C-alpha atoms as a PDB file:
ATOM      1  CA  MET A   1     -41.920 270.314-102.985  1.00  0.00           C
ATOM      2  CA  THR A   2     -41.909 272.732-100.603  1.00  0.00           C
ATOM      3  CA  PHE A   3     -39.947 273.037 -97.275  1.00  0.00           C
ATOM      4  CA  ALA A   4     -42.734 275.214 -95.969  1.00  0.00           C
ATOM      5  CA  TYR A   5     -44.369 273.860 -92.524  1.00  0.00           C
ATOM      6  CA  PRO A   6     -47.096 275.698 -90.484  1.00  0.00           C
ATOM      7  CA  ARG A   7     -46.608 277.241 -87.750  1.00  0.00           C
ATOM      8  CA  PRO A   8     -46.254 275.212 -84.437  1.00  0.00           C
ATOM      9  CA  SER A   9     -49.658 275.937 -82.189  1.00  0.00           C
ATOM     10  CA  GLU A  10     -47.624 275.033 -79.509  1.00  0.00           C
ATOM     11  CA  ALA A  11     -46.512 278.154 -77.192  1.00  0.00           C
ATOM     12  CA  PHE A  12     -42.884 276.298 -76.226  1.00  0.00           C
ATOM     13  CA  VAL A  13     -40.906 273.402 -78.244  1.00  0.00           C
ATOM     14  CA  HIS A  14     -40.800 270.584 -75.655  1.00  0.00           C
ATOM     15  CA  GLU A  15     -37.854 267.771 -75.914  1.00  0.00           C
ATOM     16  CA  PRO A  16     -38.154 264.977 -73.250  1.00  0.00           C
ATOM     17  CA  SER A  17     -34.919 264.210 -71.151  1.00  0.00           C
ATOM     18  CA  GLU A  18     -33.454 261.719 -69.078  1.00  0.00           C
ATOM     19  CA  PRO A  19     -30.684 262.214 -65.719  1.00  0.00           C
ATOM     20  CA  VAL A  20     -27.920 260.604 -66.857  1.00  0.00           C
ATOM     21  CA  ASP A  21     -25.781 258.783 -63.594  1.00  0.00           C
ATOM     22  CA  ALA A  22     -22.842 260.398 -64.506  1.00  0.00           C
ATOM     23  CA  PRO A  23     -20.515 263.213 -63.314  1.00  0.00           C
ATOM     24  CA  CYS A  24     -20.536 266.605 -66.110  1.00  0.00           C
ATOM     25  CA  PRO A  25     -16.625 265.941 -67.743  1.00  0.00           C
ATOM     26  CA  GLY A  26     -16.643 269.991 -67.507  1.00  0.00           C
ATOM     27  CA  CYS A  27     -18.106 270.659 -64.078  1.00  0.00           C
ATOM     28  CA  GLY A  28     -18.131 267.683 -61.829  1.00  0.00           C
ATOM     29  CA  ALA A  29     -21.889 268.232 -61.519  1.00  0.00           C
ATOM     30  CA  ARG A  30     -24.367 265.866 -61.872  1.00  0.00           C
ATOM     31  CA  ALA A  31     -27.117 267.515 -64.223  1.00  0.00           C
ATOM     32  CA  VAL A  32     -26.108 265.579 -66.696  1.00  0.00           C
ATOM     33  CA  ARG A  33     -29.569 264.585 -68.926  1.00  0.00           C
ATOM     34  CA  ARG A  34     -30.032 262.935 -72.440  1.00  0.00           C
ATOM     35  CA  TYR A  35     -32.279 263.588 -75.174  1.00  0.00           C
ATOM     36  CA  ARG A  36     -32.797 263.484 -78.894  1.00  0.00           C
ATOM     37  CA  SER A  37     -31.103 266.128 -81.046  1.00  0.00           C
ATOM     38  CA  LEU A  38     -31.061 267.109 -84.931  1.00  0.00           C
ATOM     39  CA  ARG A  39     -27.908 267.636 -86.065  1.00  0.00           C
ATOM     40  CA  ALA A  40     -26.201 268.142 -89.293  1.00  0.00           C
ATOM     41  CA  GLY A  41     -25.742 264.604 -89.900  1.00  0.00           C
ATOM     42  CA  GLY A  42     -29.339 263.445 -89.152  1.00  0.00           C
ATOM     43  CA  TRP A  43     -30.833 262.885 -85.433  1.00  0.00           C
ATOM     44  CA  HIS A  44     -28.636 261.977 -82.578  1.00  0.00           C
ATOM     45  CA  ARG A  45     -29.212 260.976 -78.475  1.00  0.00           C
ATOM     46  CA  VAL A  46     -26.957 263.880 -77.622  1.00  0.00           C
ATOM     47  CA  GLU A  47     -25.577 263.689 -73.492  1.00  0.00           C
ATOM     48  CA  ARG A  48     -24.912 266.998 -72.184  1.00  0.00           C
ATOM     49  CA  CYS A  49     -24.770 268.726 -69.030  1.00  0.00           C
ATOM     50  CA  ARG A  50     -27.558 271.626 -67.904  1.00  0.00           C
ATOM     51  CA  GLU A  51     -25.236 273.605 -65.409  1.00  0.00           C
ATOM     52  CA  CYS A  52     -22.268 274.359 -68.262  1.00  0.00           C
ATOM     53  CA  PHE A  53     -23.190 272.927 -71.141  1.00  0.00           C
ATOM     54  CA  ALA A  54     -20.329 270.271 -71.456  1.00  0.00           C
ATOM     55  CA  PHE A  55     -21.577 268.165 -73.933  1.00  0.00           C
ATOM     56  CA  ARG A  56     -20.354 264.383 -72.615  1.00  0.00           C
ATOM     57  CA  SER A  57     -21.712 262.180 -75.717  1.00  0.00           C
ATOM     58  CA  SER A  58     -23.574 261.522 -79.015  1.00  0.00           C
ATOM     59  CA  GLU A  59     -24.658 258.673 -81.259  1.00  0.00           C
ATOM     60  CA  PRO A  60     -27.021 258.277 -83.641  1.00  0.00           C
ATOM     61  CA  ILE A  61     -30.534 257.208 -84.058  1.00  0.00           C
ATOM     62  CA  PRO A  62     -31.391 255.412 -86.460  1.00  0.00           C
ATOM     63  CA  GLN A  63     -33.769 256.246 -89.370  1.00  0.00           C
ATOM     64  CA  SER A  64     -35.431 256.287 -91.856  1.00  0.00           C
ATOM     65  CA  TYR A  65     -33.966 258.635 -94.435  1.00  0.00           C
ATOM     66  CA  VAL A  66     -30.671 259.730 -95.522  1.00  0.00           C
ATOM     67  CA  PRO A  67     -30.091 263.648 -94.338  1.00  0.00           C
ATOM     68  CA  LEU A  68     -28.901 265.626 -97.397  1.00  0.00           C
ATOM     69  CA  THR A  69     -25.701 266.240 -95.172  1.00  0.00           C
ATOM     70  CA  ALA A  70     -24.456 262.471 -94.972  1.00  0.00           C
ATOM     71  CA  GLY A  71     -20.967 262.165 -94.903  1.00  0.00           C
ATOM     72  CA  TRP A  72     -20.297 265.844 -94.326  1.00  0.00           C
ATOM     73  CA  PRO A  73     -17.758 266.894 -91.692  1.00  0.00           C
ATOM     74  CA  THR A  74     -19.238 268.093 -88.310  1.00  0.00           C
ATOM     75  CA  SER A  75     -18.040 269.482 -85.268  1.00  0.00           C
ATOM     76  CA  SER A  76     -18.169 268.331 -81.543  1.00  0.00           C
ATOM     77  CA  ALA A  77     -19.762 271.365 -80.378  1.00  0.00           C
ATOM     78  CA  GLY A  78     -23.634 269.036 -80.894  1.00  0.00           C
END
């Protein structure tokens, strides 16, 4: 089994995000966005401010596999 993946054909990676109707906990800006992110424990739905990059929340997304790092302690850095 190989972990080598082909080079992407796209010039830029694009992950769609959606606005969150809540102020940023760090700076108070209305620039909080929700998007998908791969963290140590697998895929999560993350909310972060686009102005100061303050972390607001993270929740796991149901997935069909168990990540190798399942059960490992993680940081709140996102």
